[in-house]
C-alpha cells in the first residue's frame, strides 16, 4: 500500500475564485428575475426563494473575499 499524502492547502487564488463565484451567482439571480414574469405562481415562489438563497450566498462569498484578501495581505497565503 502506498503512503498517500494530501495536497497542501493552496489558497493563493481563492479571492479570484470567490469573485468568479459571485459574478456567476449574480448572473443566475438576474436571469431568474427575468424569467419570473413568464412563470406560473408556484414557479414564481420557487424562483423567489432560490434568489433569496442566492443573496445570502453572495453575502457569504463577499465576506470570504474580505477574509482571504486580509490573509493574503498578512502573508498567511
C-alpha atoms as a PDB file:
ATOM      1  CA  UNK A   1       0.000   0.000   0.000  1.00  0.00           C
ATOM      2  CA  UNK A   2       1.388   3.389  -0.937  1.00  0.00           C
ATOM      3  CA  UNK A   3       1.638   6.204   1.524  1.00  0.00           C
ATOM      4  CA  UNK A   4      -0.633   8.966   0.222  1.00  0.00           C
ATOM      5  CA  UNK A   5      -0.304  12.498   1.488  1.00  0.00           C
ATOM      6  CA  UNK A   6      -2.930  15.160   0.982  1.00  0.00           C
ATOM      7  CA  UNK A   7      -2.107  18.048  -1.284  1.00  0.00           C
ATOM      8  CA  UNK A   8      -1.040  21.172   0.577  1.00  0.00           C
ATOM      9  CA  UNK A   9      -3.696  23.839   1.028  1.00  0.00           C
ATOM     10  CA  UNK A  10      -3.244  26.330  -1.824  1.00  0.00           C
ATOM     11  CA  UNK A  11      -5.306  29.420  -1.087  1.00  0.00           C
ATOM     12  CA  UNK A  12      -3.364  31.705  -3.401  1.00  0.00           C
ATOM     13  CA  UNK A  13      -6.207  32.082  -5.912  1.00  0.00           C
ATOM     14  CA  UNK A  14      -9.189  31.892  -3.565  1.00  0.00           C
ATOM     15  CA  UNK A  15     -10.040  35.592  -3.947  1.00  0.00           C
ATOM     16  CA  UNK A  16     -10.272  35.242  -7.705  1.00  0.00           C
ATOM     17  CA  UNK A  17     -12.308  32.033  -7.463  1.00  0.00           C
ATOM     18  CA  UNK A  18     -14.703  33.625  -4.996  1.00  0.00           C
ATOM     19  CA  UNK A  19     -15.107  36.719  -7.178  1.00  0.00           C
ATOM     20  CA  UNK A  20     -15.936  34.464 -10.115  1.00  0.00           C
ATOM     21  CA  UNK A  21     -18.492  32.636  -7.978  1.00  0.00           C
ATOM     22  CA  UNK A  22     -20.057  35.977  -7.013  1.00  0.00           C
ATOM     23  CA  UNK A  23     -20.338  37.020 -10.663  1.00  0.00           C
ATOM     24  CA  UNK A  24     -21.886  33.689 -11.661  1.00  0.00           C
ATOM     25  CA  UNK A  25     -24.395  33.849  -8.806  1.00  0.00           C
ATOM     26  CA  UNK A  26     -25.361  37.426  -9.679  1.00  0.00           C
ATOM     27  CA  UNK A  27     -25.852  36.400 -13.306  1.00  0.00           C
ATOM     28  CA  UNK A  28     -28.055  33.471 -12.255  1.00  0.00           C
ATOM     29  CA  UNK A  29     -30.018  35.802  -9.972  1.00  0.00           C
ATOM     30  CA  UNK A  30     -30.659  38.256 -12.817  1.00  0.00           C
ATOM     31  CA  UNK A  31     -31.645  35.517 -15.248  1.00  0.00           C
ATOM     32  CA  UNK A  32     -34.085  34.112 -12.710  1.00  0.00           C
ATOM     33  CA  UNK A  33     -35.566  37.564 -12.102  1.00  0.00           C
ATOM     34  CA  UNK A  34     -36.103  37.964 -15.839  1.00  0.00           C
ATOM     35  CA  UNK A  35     -37.866  34.602 -16.033  1.00  0.00           C
ATOM     36  CA  UNK A  36     -40.312  35.375 -13.188  1.00  0.00           C
ATOM     37  CA  UNK A  37     -42.729  37.181 -15.482  1.00  0.00           C
ATOM     38  CA  UNK A  38     -43.135  34.025 -17.590  1.00  0.00           C
ATOM     39  CA  UNK A  39     -43.535  31.634 -14.656  1.00  0.00           C
ATOM     40  CA  UNK A  40     -46.681  30.398 -13.012  1.00  0.00           C
ATOM     41  CA  UNK A  41     -47.476  31.224  -9.388  1.00  0.00           C
ATOM     42  CA  UNK A  42     -45.828  28.110  -7.944  1.00  0.00           C
ATOM     43  CA  UNK A  43     -42.702  28.529 -10.054  1.00  0.00           C
ATOM     44  CA  UNK A  44     -42.519  32.224  -9.084  1.00  0.00           C
ATOM     45  CA  UNK A  45     -42.375  31.292  -5.425  1.00  0.00           C
ATOM     46  CA  UNK A  46     -39.593  28.789  -6.103  1.00  0.00           C
ATOM     47  CA  UNK A  47     -37.612  31.374  -8.045  1.00  0.00           C
ATOM     48  CA  UNK A  48     -38.050  33.987  -5.323  1.00  0.00           C
ATOM     49  CA  UNK A  49     -36.965  31.521  -2.642  1.00  0.00           C
ATOM     50  CA  UNK A  50     -33.927  30.488  -4.638  1.00  0.00           C
ATOM     51  CA  UNK A  51     -32.967  34.102  -5.258  1.00  0.00           C
ATOM     52  CA  UNK A  52     -33.156  34.767  -1.523  1.00  0.00           C
ATOM     53  CA  UNK A  53     -30.694  31.922  -1.011  1.00  0.00           C
ATOM     54  CA  UNK A  54     -28.516  33.416  -3.741  1.00  0.00           C
ATOM     55  CA  UNK A  55     -28.494  36.790  -1.939  1.00  0.00           C
ATOM     56  CA  UNK A  56     -27.291  35.093   1.233  1.00  0.00           C
ATOM     57  CA  UNK A  57     -24.660  33.156  -0.697  1.00  0.00           C
ATOM     58  CA  UNK A  58     -23.385  36.366  -2.290  1.00  0.00           C
ATOM     59  CA  UNK A  59     -23.097  37.980   1.144  1.00  0.00           C
ATOM     60  CA  UNK A  60     -21.137  34.960   2.369  1.00  0.00           C
ATOM     61  CA  UNK A  61     -18.863  34.995  -0.676  1.00  0.00           C
ATOM     62  CA  UNK A  62     -18.130  38.690  -0.164  1.00  0.00           C
ATOM     63  CA  UNK A  63     -17.261  38.084   3.477  1.00  0.00           C
ATOM     64  CA  UNK A  64     -14.919  35.283   2.424  1.00  0.00           C
ATOM     65  CA  UNK A  65     -13.275  37.535  -0.176  1.00  0.00           C
ATOM     66  CA  UNK A  66     -12.517  40.087   2.542  1.00  0.00           C
ATOM     67  CA  UNK A  67     -11.106  37.383   4.816  1.00  0.00           C
ATOM     68  CA  UNK A  68      -8.986  35.879   2.055  1.00  0.00           C
ATOM     69  CA  UNK A  69      -7.720  39.290   0.938  1.00  0.00           C
ATOM     70  CA  UNK A  70      -6.756  40.122   4.527  1.00  0.00           C
ATOM     71  CA  UNK A  71      -4.961  36.783   4.874  1.00  0.00           C
ATOM     72  CA  UNK A  72      -3.103  37.468   1.629  1.00  0.00           C
ATOM     73  CA  UNK A  73      -2.041  40.918   2.867  1.00  0.00           C
ATOM     74  CA  UNK A  74      -0.867  39.445   6.163  1.00  0.00           C
ATOM     75  CA  UNK A  75       1.240  36.869   4.360  1.00  0.00           C
ATOM     76  CA  UNK A  76      -0.877  33.927   5.506  1.00  0.00           C
ATOM     77  CA  UNK A  77      -1.375  32.724   1.959  1.00  0.00           C
END
